[in-house]
PDB file of all heavy atoms in Angstrom:
ATOM      1  N   MET A   1     106.790 100.563 105.368  1.00  0.00           N
ATOM      2  CA  MET A   1     107.090 101.572 104.366  1.00  0.00           C
ATOM      3  C   MET A   1     108.461 102.169 104.658  1.00  0.00           C
ATOM      4  O   MET A   1     108.839 102.331 105.822  1.00  0.00           O
ATOM      5  CB  MET A   1     106.037 102.671 104.361  1.00  0.00           C
ATOM      6  CG  MET A   1     104.649 102.206 103.947  1.00  0.00           C
ATOM      7  SD  MET A   1     104.586 101.659 102.213  1.00  0.00           S
ATOM      8  CE  MET A   1     104.931 103.196 101.351  1.00  0.00           C
ATOM      9  N   ASN A   2     109.168 102.471 103.600  1.00  0.00           N
ATOM     10  CA  ASN A   2     110.551 102.929 103.741  1.00  0.00           C
ATOM     11  C   ASN A   2     110.865 104.098 102.823  1.00  0.00           C
ATOM     12  O   ASN A   2     110.212 104.307 101.801  1.00  0.00           O
ATOM     13  CB  ASN A   2     111.537 101.814 103.357  1.00  0.00           C
ATOM     14  CG  ASN A   2     111.300 100.508 104.065  1.00  0.00           C
ATOM     15  OD1 ASN A   2     111.930 100.238 105.085  1.00  0.00           O
ATOM     16  ND2 ASN A   2     110.412  99.690 103.529  1.00  0.00           N
ATOM     17  N   TRP A   3     111.913 104.817 103.193  1.00  0.00           N
ATOM     18  CA  TRP A   3     112.585 105.742 102.301  1.00  0.00           C
ATOM     19  C   TRP A   3     114.018 105.260 102.131  1.00  0.00           C
ATOM     20  O   TRP A   3     114.696 104.953 103.116  1.00  0.00           O
ATOM     21  CB  TRP A   3     112.593 107.167 102.840  1.00  0.00           C
ATOM     22  CG  TRP A   3     111.268 107.856 102.759  1.00  0.00           C
ATOM     23  CD1 TRP A   3     110.374 108.020 103.757  1.00  0.00           C
ATOM     24  CD2 TRP A   3     110.710 108.481 101.595  1.00  0.00           C
ATOM     25  NE1 TRP A   3     109.280 108.714 103.307  1.00  0.00           N
ATOM     26  CE2 TRP A   3     109.453 109.012 101.991  1.00  0.00           C
ATOM     27  CE3 TRP A   3     111.135 108.658 100.281  1.00  0.00           C
ATOM     28  CZ2 TRP A   3     108.619 109.695 101.097  1.00  0.00           C
ATOM     29  CZ3 TRP A   3     110.300 109.338  99.400  1.00  0.00           C
ATOM     30  CH2 TRP A   3     109.067 109.841  99.810  1.00  0.00           C
ATOM     31  N   PHE A   4     114.451 105.188 100.894  1.00  0.00           N
ATOM     32  CA  PHE A   4     115.829 104.875 100.553  1.00  0.00           C
ATOM     33  C   PHE A   4     116.401 106.042  99.779  1.00  0.00           C
ATOM     34  O   PHE A   4     115.669 106.897  99.297  1.00  0.00           O
ATOM     35  CB  PHE A   4     115.912 103.609  99.691  1.00  0.00           C
ATOM     36  CG  PHE A   4     115.593 102.327 100.410  1.00  0.00           C
ATOM     37  CD1 PHE A   4     114.281 101.946 100.634  1.00  0.00           C
ATOM     38  CD2 PHE A   4     116.615 101.497 100.848  1.00  0.00           C
ATOM     39  CE1 PHE A   4     113.985 100.760 101.283  1.00  0.00           C
ATOM     40  CE2 PHE A   4     116.335 100.299 101.504  1.00  0.00           C
ATOM     41  CZ  PHE A   4     115.011  99.934 101.722  1.00  0.00           C
ATOM     42  N   ARG A   5     117.703 106.056  99.622  1.00  0.00           N
ATOM     43  CA  ARG A   5     118.323 107.064  98.782  1.00  0.00           C
ATOM     44  C   ARG A   5     119.563 106.482  98.123  1.00  0.00           C
ATOM     45  O   ARG A   5     120.167 105.542  98.631  1.00  0.00           O
ATOM     46  CB  ARG A   5     118.681 108.327  99.569  1.00  0.00           C
ATOM     47  CG  ARG A   5     119.793 108.156 100.587  1.00  0.00           C
ATOM     48  CD  ARG A   5     119.976 109.443 101.378  1.00  0.00           C
ATOM     49  NE  ARG A   5     121.059 109.337 102.347  1.00  0.00           N
ATOM     50  CZ  ARG A   5     121.348 110.269 103.251  1.00  0.00           C
ATOM     51  NH1 ARG A   5     120.621 111.392 103.304  1.00  0.00           N
ATOM     52  NH2 ARG A   5     122.351 110.085 104.096  1.00  0.00           N
ATOM     53  N   GLN A   6     119.921 107.057  96.993  1.00  0.00           N
ATOM     54  CA  GLN A   6     121.121 106.639  96.298  1.00  0.00           C
ATOM     55  C   GLN A   6     121.803 107.862  95.702  1.00  0.00           C
ATOM     56  O   GLN A   6     121.226 108.562  94.876  1.00  0.00           O
ATOM     57  CB  GLN A   6     120.813 105.623  95.198  1.00  0.00           C
ATOM     58  CG  GLN A   6     122.051 105.045  94.545  1.00  0.00           C
ATOM     59  CD  GLN A   6     121.747 103.835  93.684  1.00  0.00           C
ATOM     60  OE1 GLN A   6     120.638 103.685  93.181  1.00  0.00           O
ATOM     61  NE2 GLN A   6     122.730 102.965  93.525  1.00  0.00           N
ATOM     62  N   ALA A   7     123.016 108.103  96.142  1.00  0.00           N
ATOM     63  CA  ALA A   7     123.820 109.200  95.629  1.00  0.00           C
ATOM     64  C   ALA A   7     124.686 108.692  94.486  1.00  0.00           C
ATOM     65  O   ALA A   7     124.980 107.494  94.401  1.00  0.00           O
ATOM     66  CB  ALA A   7     124.689 109.772  96.745  1.00  0.00           C
ATOM     67  N   PRO A   8     125.124 109.578  93.596  1.00  0.00           N
ATOM     68  CA  PRO A   8     125.973 109.160  92.482  1.00  0.00           C
ATOM     69  C   PRO A   8     127.218 108.428  92.964  1.00  0.00           C
ATOM     70  O   PRO A   8     127.913 108.898  93.865  1.00  0.00           O
ATOM     71  CB  PRO A   8     126.336 110.486  91.810  1.00  0.00           C
ATOM     72  CG  PRO A   8     125.190 111.382  92.133  1.00  0.00           C
ATOM     73  CD  PRO A   8     124.808 111.010  93.538  1.00  0.00           C
ATOM     74  N   GLY A   9     127.484 107.274  92.380  1.00  0.00           N
ATOM     75  CA  GLY A   9     128.663 106.505  92.732  1.00  0.00           C
ATOM     76  C   GLY A   9     128.577 105.748  94.036  1.00  0.00           C
ATOM     77  O   GLY A   9     129.569 105.147  94.455  1.00  0.00           O
ATOM     78  N   LYS A  10     127.425 105.758  94.677  1.00  0.00           N
ATOM     79  CA  LYS A  10     127.273 105.063  95.949  1.00  0.00           C
ATOM     80  C   LYS A  10     126.157 104.028  95.887  1.00  0.00           C
ATOM     81  O   LYS A  10     125.290 104.076  95.016  1.00  0.00           O
ATOM     82  CB  LYS A  10     126.983 106.061  97.070  1.00  0.00           C
ATOM     83  CG  LYS A  10     128.118 107.020  97.379  1.00  0.00           C
ATOM     84  CD  LYS A  10     127.804 107.862  98.594  1.00  0.00           C
ATOM     85  CE  LYS A  10     128.961 108.768  98.957  1.00  0.00           C
ATOM     86  NZ  LYS A  10     128.668 109.570 100.176  1.00  0.00           N
ATOM     87  N   GLU A  11     126.194 103.098  96.829  1.00  0.00           N
ATOM     88  CA  GLU A  11     125.160 102.086  96.933  1.00  0.00           C
ATOM     89  C   GLU A  11     123.883 102.705  97.475  1.00  0.00           C
ATOM     90  O   GLU A  11     123.909 103.690  98.217  1.00  0.00           O
ATOM     91  CB  GLU A  11     125.610 100.950  97.850  1.00  0.00           C
ATOM     92  CG  GLU A  11     126.812 100.169  97.359  1.00  0.00           C
ATOM     93  CD  GLU A  11     126.475  99.234  96.232  1.00  0.00           C
ATOM     94  OE1 GLU A  11     125.286  98.924  96.045  1.00  0.00           O
ATOM     95  OE2 GLU A  11     127.399  98.806  95.525  1.00  0.00           O
ATOM     96  N   ARG A  12     122.758 102.113  97.113  1.00  0.00           N
ATOM     97  CA  ARG A  12     121.493 102.540  97.673  1.00  0.00           C
ATOM     98  C   ARG A  12     121.473 102.227  99.159  1.00  0.00           C
ATOM     99  O   ARG A  12     121.911 101.144  99.577  1.00  0.00           O
ATOM    100  CB  ARG A  12     120.339 101.817  96.968  1.00  0.00           C
ATOM    101  CG  ARG A  12     118.959 102.260  97.399  1.00  0.00           C
ATOM    102  CD  ARG A  12     117.902 101.548  96.584  1.00  0.00           C
ATOM    103  NE  ARG A  12     117.956 100.111  96.799  1.00  0.00           N
ATOM    104  CZ  ARG A  12     117.396  99.226  95.980  1.00  0.00           C
ATOM    105  NH1 ARG A  12     116.765  99.628  94.885  1.00  0.00           N
ATOM    106  NH2 ARG A  12     117.486  97.930  96.263  1.00  0.00           N
ATOM    107  N   GLU A  13     120.988 103.140  99.964  1.00  0.00           N
ATOM    108  CA  GLU A  13     120.972 102.943 101.396  1.00  0.00           C
ATOM    109  C   GLU A  13     119.612 103.270 101.989  1.00  0.00           C
ATOM    110  O   GLU A  13     118.892 104.140 101.504  1.00  0.00           O
ATOM    111  CB  GLU A  13     122.037 103.805 102.072  1.00  0.00           C
ATOM    112  CG  GLU A  13     121.831 105.300 101.902  1.00  0.00           C
ATOM    113  CD  GLU A  13     122.856 106.129 102.656  1.00  0.00           C
ATOM    114  OE1 GLU A  13     123.559 105.587 103.524  1.00  0.00           O
ATOM    115  OE2 GLU A  13     122.948 107.345 102.366  1.00  0.00           O
ATOM    116  N   GLY A  14     119.277 102.562 103.046  1.00  0.00           N
ATOM    117  CA  GLY A  14     118.049 102.837 103.757  1.00  0.00           C
ATOM    118  C   GLY A  14     118.174 104.132 104.538  1.00  0.00           C
ATOM    119  O   GLY A  14     119.218 104.407 105.134  1.00  0.00           O
ATOM    120  N   VAL A  15     117.122 104.917 104.543  1.00  0.00           N
ATOM    121  CA  VAL A  15     117.095 106.190 105.250  1.00  0.00           C
ATOM    122  C   VAL A  15     116.199 106.112 106.474  1.00  0.00           C
ATOM    123  O   VAL A  15     116.588 106.500 107.575  1.00  0.00           O
ATOM    124  CB  VAL A  15     116.623 107.325 104.324  1.00  0.00           C
ATOM    125  CG1 VAL A  15     116.468 108.624 105.102  1.00  0.00           C
ATOM    126  CG2 VAL A  15     117.589 107.499 103.167  1.00  0.00           C
ATOM    127  N   ALA A  16     114.983 105.617 106.286  1.00  0.00           N
ATOM    128  CA  ALA A  16     114.022 105.545 107.371  1.00  0.00           C
ATOM    129  C   ALA A  16     112.962 104.503 107.050  1.00  0.00           C
ATOM    130  O   ALA A  16     112.714 104.193 105.887  1.00  0.00           O
ATOM    131  CB  ALA A  16     113.370 106.909 107.608  1.00  0.00           C
ATOM    132  N   ALA A  17     112.327 103.972 108.080  1.00  0.00           N
ATOM    133  CA  ALA A  17     111.270 102.987 107.906  1.00  0.00           C
ATOM    134  C   ALA A  17     110.206 103.192 108.967  1.00  0.00           C
ATOM    135  O   ALA A  17     110.488 103.662 110.071  1.00  0.00           O
ATOM    136  CB  ALA A  17     111.835 101.569 107.990  1.00  0.00           C
ATOM    137  N   ILE A  18     108.984 102.821 108.624  1.00  0.00           N
ATOM    138  CA  ILE A  18     107.880 102.892 109.572  1.00  0.00           C
ATOM    139  C   ILE A  18     106.978 101.686 109.345  1.00  0.00           C
ATOM    140  O   ILE A  18     106.641 101.354 108.211  1.00  0.00           O
ATOM    141  CB  ILE A  18     107.101 104.225 109.430  1.00  0.00           C
ATOM    142  CG1 ILE A  18     106.014 104.333 110.495  1.00  0.00           C
ATOM    143  CG2 ILE A  18     106.524 104.383 108.027  1.00  0.00           C
ATOM    144  CD1 ILE A  18     105.415 105.735 110.586  1.00  0.00           C
ATOM    145  N   ASP A  19     106.599 100.994 110.422  1.00  0.00           N
ATOM    146  CA  ASP A  19     105.763  99.819 110.276  1.00  0.00           C
ATOM    147  C   ASP A  19     104.293 100.157 110.479  1.00  0.00           C
ATOM    148  O   ASP A  19     103.918 101.308 110.684  1.00  0.00           O
ATOM    149  CB  ASP A  19     106.236  98.682 111.195  1.00  0.00           C
ATOM    150  CG  ASP A  19     106.016  98.961 112.679  1.00  0.00           C
ATOM    151  OD1 ASP A  19     105.276  99.899 113.035  1.00  0.00           O
ATOM    152  OD2 ASP A  19     106.600  98.215 113.501  1.00  0.00           O
ATOM    153  N   SER A  20     103.455  99.132 110.426  1.00  0.00           N
ATOM    154  CA  SER A  20     102.012  99.343 110.501  1.00  0.00           C
ATOM    155  C   SER A  20     101.552  99.884 111.850  1.00  0.00           C
ATOM    156  O   SER A  20     100.455 100.438 111.939  1.00  0.00           O
ATOM    157  CB  SER A  20     101.272  98.043 110.189  1.00  0.00           C
ATOM    158  OG  SER A  20     101.626  97.020 111.107  1.00  0.00           O
ATOM    159  N   ASP A  21     102.367  99.728 112.877  1.00  0.00           N
ATOM    160  CA  ASP A  21     102.042 100.248 114.199  1.00  0.00           C
ATOM    161  C   ASP A  21     102.632 101.632 114.445  1.00  0.00           C
ATOM    162  O   ASP A  21     102.471 102.183 115.532  1.00  0.00           O
ATOM    163  CB  ASP A  21     102.530  99.293 115.280  1.00  0.00           C
ATOM    164  CG  ASP A  21     101.786  97.972 115.270  1.00  0.00           C
ATOM    165  OD1 ASP A  21     100.555  97.983 115.072  1.00  0.00           O
ATOM    166  OD2 ASP A  21     102.430  96.926 115.467  1.00  0.00           O
ATOM    167  N   GLY A  22     103.320 102.169 113.453  1.00  0.00           N
ATOM    168  CA  GLY A  22     103.895 103.491 113.584  1.00  0.00           C
ATOM    169  C   GLY A  22     105.287 103.534 114.174  1.00  0.00           C
ATOM    170  O   GLY A  22     105.818 104.623 114.416  1.00  0.00           O
ATOM    171  N   ARG A  23     105.884 102.385 114.410  1.00  0.00           N
ATOM    172  CA  ARG A  23     107.253 102.356 114.927  1.00  0.00           C
ATOM    173  C   ARG A  23     108.226 102.733 113.822  1.00  0.00           C
ATOM    174  O   ARG A  23     108.075 102.306 112.684  1.00  0.00           O
ATOM    175  CB  ARG A  23     107.584 100.977 115.493  1.00  0.00           C
ATOM    176  CG  ARG A  23     106.821 100.657 116.780  1.00  0.00           C
ATOM    177  CD  ARG A  23     107.276  99.328 117.367  1.00  0.00           C
ATOM    178  NE  ARG A  23     106.748  98.208 116.605  1.00  0.00           N
ATOM    179  CZ  ARG A  23     105.643  97.553 116.918  1.00  0.00           C
ATOM    180  NH1 ARG A  23     104.946  97.898 117.999  1.00  0.00           N
ATOM    181  NH2 ARG A  23     105.233  96.545 116.164  1.00  0.00           N
ATOM    182  N   THR A  24     109.228 103.510 114.164  1.00  0.00           N
ATOM    183  CA  THR A  24     110.145 104.049 113.172  1.00  0.00           C
ATOM    184  C   THR A  24     111.589 103.653 113.428  1.00  0.00           C
ATOM    185  O   THR A  24     111.979 103.360 114.562  1.00  0.00           O
ATOM    186  CB  THR A  24     110.059 105.579 113.133  1.00  0.00           C
ATOM    187  OG1 THR A  24     110.397 106.112 114.421  1.00  0.00           O
ATOM    188  CG2 THR A  24     108.652 106.036 112.772  1.00  0.00           C
ATOM    189  N   SER A  25     112.371 103.658 112.361  1.00  0.00           N
ATOM    190  CA  SER A  25     113.805 103.413 112.429  1.00  0.00           C
ATOM    191  C   SER A  25     114.487 104.366 111.464  1.00  0.00           C
ATOM    192  O   SER A  25     113.919 104.715 110.423  1.00  0.00           O
ATOM    193  CB  SER A  25     114.143 101.968 112.058  1.00  0.00           C
ATOM    194  OG  SER A  25     113.586 101.050 112.980  1.00  0.00           O
ATOM    195  N   TYR A  26     115.710 104.770 111.796  1.00  0.00           N
ATOM    196  CA  TYR A  26     116.447 105.716 110.977  1.00  0.00           C
ATOM    197  C   TYR A  26     117.895 105.312 110.828  1.00  0.00           C
ATOM    198  O   TYR A  26     118.482 104.700 111.726  1.00  0.00           O
ATOM    199  CB  TYR A  26     116.415 107.117 111.601  1.00  0.00           C
ATOM    200  CG  TYR A  26     115.042 107.718 111.720  1.00  0.00           C
ATOM    201  CD1 TYR A  26     114.292 107.539 112.876  1.00  0.00           C
ATOM    202  CD2 TYR A  26     114.500 108.465 110.682  1.00  0.00           C
ATOM    203  CE1 TYR A  26     113.025 108.084 112.995  1.00  0.00           C
ATOM    204  CE2 TYR A  26     113.233 109.019 110.795  1.00  0.00           C
ATOM    205  CZ  TYR A  26     112.497 108.829 111.953  1.00  0.00           C
ATOM    206  OH  TYR A  26     111.244 109.381 112.058  1.00  0.00           O
ATOM    207  N   ALA A  27     118.466 105.691 109.699  1.00  0.00           N
ATOM    208  CA  ALA A  27     119.902 105.564 109.536  1.00  0.00           C
ATOM    209  C   ALA A  27     120.578 106.539 110.489  1.00  0.00           C
ATOM    210  O   ALA A  27     120.062 107.632 110.747  1.00  0.00           O
ATOM    211  CB  ALA A  27     120.300 105.874 108.097  1.00  0.00           C
ATOM    212  N   ASP A  28     121.731 106.155 111.007  1.00  0.00           N
ATOM    213  CA  ASP A  28     122.441 107.020 111.949  1.00  0.00           C
ATOM    214  C   ASP A  28     122.733 108.395 111.355  1.00  0.00           C
ATOM    215  O   ASP A  28     122.725 109.401 112.066  1.00  0.00           O
ATOM    216  CB  ASP A  28     123.743 106.361 112.388  1.00  0.00           C
ATOM    217  CG  ASP A  28     123.530 105.182 113.315  1.00  0.00           C
ATOM    218  OD1 ASP A  28     122.439 105.072 113.902  1.00  0.00           O
ATOM    219  OD2 ASP A  28     124.463 104.368 113.456  1.00  0.00           O
ATOM    220  N   SER A  29     122.969 108.441 110.066  1.00  0.00           N
ATOM    221  CA  SER A  29     123.343 109.687 109.415  1.00  0.00           C
ATOM    222  C   SER A  29     122.225 110.725 109.369  1.00  0.00           C
ATOM    223  O   SER A  29     122.489 111.907 109.144  1.00  0.00           O
ATOM    224  CB  SER A  29     123.836 109.408 107.996  1.00  0.00           C
ATOM    225  OG  SER A  29     122.830 108.778 107.228  1.00  0.00           O
ATOM    226  N   VAL A  30     120.975 110.296 109.584  1.00  0.00           N
ATOM    227  CA  VAL A  30     119.860 111.232 109.498  1.00  0.00           C
ATOM    228  C   VAL A  30     119.100 111.384 110.800  1.00  0.00           C
ATOM    229  O   VAL A  30     118.170 112.203 110.880  1.00  0.00           O
ATOM    230  CB  VAL A  30     118.875 110.841 108.375  1.00  0.00           C
ATOM    231  CG1 VAL A  30     119.609 110.678 107.055  1.00  0.00           C
ATOM    232  CG2 VAL A  30     118.118 109.566 108.741  1.00  0.00           C
TER     233      VAL A  30
END
């Protein structure tokens, strides 16, 4: 499962992700 975001005039970017085991990943900006 993921969260993405898209700001006006910018490409959609990944924000955070979590897998079935609860492991998480984040964009450096957040």
